[in-house]
């Protein structure tokens, strides 16, 4: 009888039920395990610690129904901009910015953040720019001046060939070298006339020197010699030195014109006695 009673007693099914819905205690344990493991994983990966923000708290009533309650802290990565910290509902409805194809996500996330102002150029860069522009401006200025010079006449500015040298009474008898450096002439005064010798050797065009102690002109180039009136007597000079045109103006001053010269070539006509080759003295 006892054995039959035992056999008739229903045996309780101790096999766990598969696909049973998780209870609130199970979910709490899983969330706690995740909260303990995630900081360790982030530390091992070298990532900053996450911040916690309030999230919806899930509670279970007597019937086993899960309800949304007070907010709880959720993890948010450090460095997230305030615009990215939005509610989960808003995150589901707000469209995310598209990332250009081929751009790394790291660069895209930096570009989406706040703009960073570039530092100003150092003073040395500004000085280099100024030197460069100054050099360019100088080069262009030189080119412009060279271009303008092309349209100007290639003229040699020399003293006028006509000039006044004073009155005849201002000179003593003999050779006066006062105007040699200015007009390249000597004023020669004798007892009856005054004439002007053009200071140029008739050999090769050198300027002779007046030797007062020897009373002669001596060419330093090849040794040609001339007397006090410019007549050659030694050296390779082929003829006497030329004489410039002279005349008296209305005031009585001597006017010299070196563009008109009187010559005495060897074996030819002597022009030294023609009017204008000398000023007669009364």
Protein backbone atom coordinates (compact mmCIF):
# COMPACT_ATOMS: atom_id res chain seq x y z
CA UNK A 1 0.00 0.00 0.00
CA UNK A 2 2.77 2.38 0.84
CA UNK A 3 4.52 1.70 -2.45
CA UNK A 4 1.37 2.33 -4.39
CA UNK A 5 0.83 5.59 -2.51
CA UNK A 6 4.30 6.68 -3.33
CA UNK A 7 3.83 5.83 -6.99
CA UNK A 8 0.52 7.67 -7.15
CA UNK A 9 2.09 10.84 -5.67
CA UNK A 10 2.81 13.33 -8.50
CA UNK A 11 6.45 14.10 -8.96
CA UNK A 12 7.28 17.84 -9.22
CA UNK A 13 9.03 18.90 -12.41
CA UNK A 14 12.46 20.21 -11.31
CA UNK A 15 13.72 20.82 -14.86
CA UNK A 16 14.29 24.54 -15.40
CA UNK A 17 11.92 26.19 -17.79
CA UNK A 18 13.61 27.37 -20.96
CA UNK A 19 13.02 30.84 -22.42
CA UNK A 20 11.63 32.07 -19.11
CA UNK A 21 11.24 35.86 -18.99
CA UNK A 22 14.02 37.61 -17.01
CA UNK A 23 13.04 38.94 -13.68
CA UNK A 24 13.91 42.33 -12.23
CA UNK A 25 16.59 40.79 -10.03
CA UNK A 26 18.28 39.19 -13.05
CA UNK A 27 18.33 42.48 -14.95
CA UNK A 28 19.78 44.31 -11.94
CA UNK A 29 22.57 41.76 -11.60
CA UNK A 30 23.41 42.01 -15.30
CA UNK A 31 23.52 45.83 -15.18
CA UNK A 32 25.71 45.74 -12.07
CA UNK A 33 28.12 43.32 -13.76
CA UNK A 34 28.27 45.55 -16.81
CA UNK A 35 28.90 48.63 -14.64
CA UNK A 36 31.83 46.86 -12.95
CA UNK A 37 33.40 45.46 -16.13
CA UNK A 38 33.06 48.47 -18.45
CA UNK A 39 35.41 50.83 -16.48
CA UNK A 40 38.05 48.08 -16.48
CA UNK A 41 37.77 47.64 -20.24
CA UNK A 42 37.99 51.40 -20.85
CA UNK A 43 41.04 51.70 -18.59
CA UNK A 44 42.74 48.81 -20.42
CA UNK A 45 42.01 50.48 -23.79
CA UNK A 46 43.38 53.84 -22.57
CA UNK A 47 40.04 55.65 -22.91
CA UNK A 48 38.82 58.32 -20.46
CA UNK A 49 36.31 57.39 -17.82
CA UNK A 50 32.66 57.74 -18.78
CA UNK A 51 30.28 60.13 -17.08
CA UNK A 52 26.92 59.07 -15.82
CA UNK A 53 23.72 60.87 -16.77
CA UNK A 54 20.16 60.29 -15.56
CA UNK A 55 18.19 57.61 -17.48
CA UNK A 56 14.79 55.99 -17.04
CA UNK A 57 14.60 53.62 -13.99
CA UNK A 58 12.70 50.37 -14.47
CA UNK A 59 10.54 49.08 -11.57
CA UNK A 60 8.42 45.98 -11.22
CA UNK A 61 5.05 45.90 -9.56
CA UNK A 62 3.35 43.00 -7.72
CA UNK A 63 2.14 41.43 -10.95
CA UNK A 64 5.65 41.30 -12.40
CA UNK A 65 5.05 44.14 -14.90
CA UNK A 66 8.03 46.38 -15.56
CA UNK A 67 7.34 50.13 -15.45
CA UNK A 68 9.47 53.23 -16.17
CA UNK A 69 10.19 55.14 -13.01
CA UNK A 70 12.62 57.80 -11.87
CA UNK A 71 15.66 58.57 -13.96
CA UNK A 72 18.96 56.82 -13.32
CA UNK A 73 22.54 57.67 -14.29
CA UNK A 74 23.70 56.56 -17.75
CA UNK A 75 27.27 56.55 -19.01
CA UNK A 76 28.40 59.27 -21.41
CA UNK A 77 31.96 59.43 -22.81
CA UNK A 78 34.09 62.26 -21.51
CA UNK A 79 34.61 65.18 -23.87
CA UNK A 80 31.15 64.93 -25.45
CA UNK A 81 29.81 68.32 -26.51
CA UNK A 82 26.63 69.62 -24.84
CA UNK A 83 24.79 69.33 -28.15
CA UNK A 84 25.54 65.58 -28.19
CA UNK A 85 24.13 65.05 -24.67
CA UNK A 86 20.52 64.71 -25.66
CA UNK A 87 17.73 62.54 -24.35
CA UNK A 88 17.42 59.03 -25.80
CA UNK A 89 14.10 59.89 -27.42
CA UNK A 90 15.54 62.97 -29.03
CA UNK A 91 18.54 60.95 -30.18
CA UNK A 92 16.21 58.55 -31.97
CA UNK A 93 14.34 61.31 -33.77
CA UNK A 94 17.19 63.76 -34.49
CA UNK A 95 19.01 63.02 -37.78
CA UNK A 96 22.77 62.59 -37.46
CA UNK A 97 25.25 64.48 -39.61
CA UNK A 98 26.52 62.51 -42.59
CA UNK A 99 30.25 61.78 -42.78
CA UNK A 100 31.99 62.27 -46.11
CA UNK A 101 33.17 59.13 -47.78
CA UNK A 102 36.85 58.45 -47.18
CA UNK A 103 37.12 60.78 -44.14
CA UNK A 104 38.20 59.04 -40.91
CA UNK A 105 35.62 59.10 -38.14
CA UNK A 106 38.13 60.69 -35.76
CA UNK A 107 38.62 63.69 -38.05
CA UNK A 108 34.88 63.92 -38.67
CA UNK A 109 34.18 64.05 -34.95
CA UNK A 110 36.79 66.80 -34.47
CA UNK A 111 35.33 68.83 -37.32
CA UNK A 112 31.87 68.51 -35.77
CA UNK A 113 33.14 70.05 -32.53
CA UNK A 114 33.92 73.68 -31.73
CA UNK A 115 36.04 75.66 -34.21
CA UNK A 116 39.62 76.33 -33.06
CA UNK A 117 41.09 79.72 -33.96
CA UNK A 118 44.47 79.51 -35.69
CA UNK A 119 47.35 81.27 -33.91
CA UNK A 120 48.53 84.58 -35.47
CA UNK A 121 51.62 84.64 -37.68
CA UNK A 122 54.87 85.31 -35.81
CA UNK A 123 56.57 88.69 -36.41
CA UNK A 124 59.39 87.06 -38.40
CA UNK A 125 56.93 85.96 -41.10
CA UNK A 126 55.55 89.49 -41.41
CA UNK A 127 59.08 90.86 -41.75
CA UNK A 128 59.88 88.34 -44.49
CA UNK A 129 56.78 89.37 -46.41
CA UNK A 130 57.71 93.04 -46.15
CA UNK A 131 61.25 92.39 -47.38
CA UNK A 132 59.94 90.30 -50.27
CA UNK A 133 57.44 92.92 -51.39
CA UNK A 134 60.05 95.69 -51.02
CA UNK A 135 62.46 93.75 -53.25
CA UNK A 136 59.75 93.20 -55.86
CA UNK A 137 58.78 96.89 -55.80
CA UNK A 138 62.44 97.96 -56.16
CA UNK A 139 62.97 95.62 -59.11
CA UNK A 140 59.87 96.95 -60.88
CA UNK A 141 60.95 100.55 -60.22
CA UNK A 142 64.40 99.93 -61.76
CA UNK A 143 62.80 98.29 -64.80
CA UNK A 144 60.44 101.24 -65.22
CA UNK A 145 63.28 103.79 -64.99
CA UNK A 146 65.34 101.82 -67.51
CA UNK A 147 62.36 101.78 -69.86
CA UNK A 148 61.94 105.56 -69.54
CA UNK A 149 65.67 106.13 -70.07
CA UNK A 150 65.32 104.44 -73.45
CA UNK A 151 63.28 107.40 -74.74
CA UNK A 152 65.78 110.05 -73.56
CA UNK A 153 68.50 111.37 -75.86
CA UNK A 154 72.01 110.00 -75.42
CA UNK A 155 73.55 113.45 -75.01
CA UNK A 156 76.78 114.43 -73.31
CA UNK A 157 76.29 117.68 -71.42
CA UNK A 158 79.37 119.87 -71.82
CA UNK A 159 80.05 123.51 -71.08
CA UNK A 160 78.88 125.94 -73.70
CA UNK A 161 81.39 126.61 -76.45
CA UNK A 162 80.67 130.35 -76.24
CA UNK A 163 81.53 132.25 -73.07
CA UNK A 164 82.92 135.51 -71.69
CA UNK A 165 86.33 135.81 -70.04
CA UNK A 166 86.37 139.48 -68.98
CA UNK A 167 87.98 142.62 -70.34
CA UNK A 168 91.33 142.87 -72.17
CA UNK A 169 92.65 145.07 -69.38
CA UNK A 170 92.20 142.19 -66.89
CA UNK A 171 95.20 140.32 -68.39
CA UNK A 172 98.89 141.05 -68.19
CA UNK A 173 101.28 140.52 -71.07
CA UNK A 174 102.19 136.86 -71.50
CA UNK A 175 100.33 133.55 -71.02
CA UNK A 176 97.41 133.28 -68.56
CA UNK A 177 96.33 129.74 -67.56
CA UNK A 178 93.28 130.76 -65.45
CA UNK A 179 90.74 129.12 -67.77
CA UNK A 180 92.67 125.93 -68.55
CA UNK A 181 90.64 123.64 -66.25
CA UNK A 182 87.25 125.24 -67.03
CA UNK A 183 87.35 125.81 -70.80
CA UNK A 184 90.67 124.24 -71.87
CA UNK A 185 92.12 127.53 -73.18
CA UNK A 186 95.07 129.86 -72.55
CA UNK A 187 94.79 133.64 -72.93
CA UNK A 188 97.92 135.00 -74.63
CA UNK A 189 98.55 138.74 -74.68
CA UNK A 190 101.29 140.47 -76.66
CA UNK A 191 102.11 144.11 -77.26
CA UNK A 192 99.67 144.54 -80.17
CA UNK A 193 97.02 141.77 -79.85
CA UNK A 194 95.21 139.35 -77.58
CA UNK A 195 94.34 135.81 -78.75
CA UNK A 196 93.17 132.57 -77.22
CA UNK A 197 95.05 129.28 -77.75
CA UNK A 198 92.99 126.05 -77.64
CA UNK A 199 94.90 123.72 -75.24
CA UNK A 200 95.16 120.66 -77.46
CA UNK A 201 98.30 119.12 -78.88
CA UNK A 202 98.13 118.78 -82.67
CA UNK A 203 99.87 115.40 -82.51
CA UNK A 204 97.38 113.11 -80.67
CA UNK A 205 95.15 115.57 -78.78
CA UNK A 206 96.82 115.63 -75.34
CA UNK A 207 96.77 118.78 -73.18
CA UNK A 208 100.22 120.34 -73.01
CA UNK A 209 101.61 122.05 -69.88
CA UNK A 210 102.82 125.64 -69.69
CA UNK A 211 106.42 125.78 -68.50
CA UNK A 212 106.84 129.40 -67.33
CA UNK A 213 110.51 128.88 -66.41
CA UNK A 214 111.24 127.69 -69.94
CA UNK A 215 108.71 130.02 -71.62
CA UNK A 216 107.18 127.19 -73.66
CA UNK A 217 104.36 124.63 -73.80
CA UNK A 218 105.42 121.01 -73.35
CA UNK A 219 103.21 118.00 -74.19
CA UNK A 220 103.54 115.26 -71.55
CA UNK A 221 102.52 112.50 -73.97
CA UNK A 222 105.22 112.49 -76.68
CA UNK A 223 107.35 115.55 -75.93
CA UNK A 224 106.05 118.03 -78.48
CA UNK A 225 107.18 121.59 -77.72
CA UNK A 226 105.53 124.94 -78.53
CA UNK A 227 106.71 128.52 -77.95
CA UNK A 228 104.69 131.13 -76.00
CA UNK A 229 102.44 131.80 -79.03
CA UNK A 230 101.71 128.09 -79.61
CA UNK A 231 104.05 127.60 -82.59
CA UNK A 232 105.58 124.11 -82.66
CA UNK A 233 109.34 123.82 -82.74
CA UNK A 234 110.14 120.35 -81.39
CA UNK A 235 108.69 116.86 -81.13
CA UNK A 236 106.20 115.04 -83.37
CA UNK A 237 103.61 117.86 -83.49
CA UNK A 238 102.84 118.52 -87.20
CA UNK A 239 101.63 122.15 -86.85
CA UNK A 240 101.01 124.93 -84.31
CA UNK A 241 98.16 124.71 -81.81
CA UNK A 242 94.77 126.10 -82.95
CA UNK A 243 93.35 129.46 -81.86
CA UNK A 244 89.73 130.11 -80.85
CA UNK A 245 87.52 132.82 -82.25
CA UNK A 246 87.48 135.99 -80.08
CA UNK A 247 85.56 139.27 -80.26
CA UNK A 248 84.40 142.11 -78.04
CA UNK A 249 80.73 142.46 -77.14
CA UNK A 250 78.82 145.69 -76.59
CA UNK A 251 80.16 146.00 -73.05
CA UNK A 252 83.74 145.54 -74.20
CA UNK A 253 84.15 142.03 -72.74
CA UNK A 254 85.99 139.28 -74.58
CA UNK A 255 83.67 136.62 -76.01
CA UNK A 256 85.32 133.29 -76.89
CA UNK A 257 83.86 130.65 -79.23
CA UNK A 258 85.79 127.36 -79.18
CA UNK A 259 83.56 125.86 -81.90
CA UNK A 260 85.32 128.12 -84.41
CA UNK A 261 89.05 127.43 -84.61
CA UNK A 262 91.76 129.02 -86.71
CA UNK A 263 94.59 126.77 -87.94
CA UNK A 264 97.97 126.98 -89.63
CA UNK A 265 98.67 123.68 -91.35
CA UNK A 266 102.22 123.09 -92.53
CA UNK A 267 102.72 124.46 -96.06
CA UNK A 268 99.20 125.90 -96.19
CA UNK A 269 97.48 129.22 -95.50
CA UNK A 270 98.04 130.88 -92.12
CA UNK A 271 94.67 131.74 -90.52
CA UNK A 272 96.11 133.37 -87.40
CA UNK A 273 95.99 136.85 -88.99
CA UNK A 274 92.34 136.67 -90.06
CA UNK A 275 89.71 138.83 -88.32
CA UNK A 276 88.30 136.98 -85.30
CA UNK A 277 91.54 135.11 -84.60
CA UNK A 278 92.68 137.93 -82.30
CA UNK A 279 91.56 141.17 -80.64
CA UNK A 280 93.71 144.14 -81.63
CA UNK A 281 95.01 146.32 -78.80
CA UNK A 282 95.14 150.08 -79.27
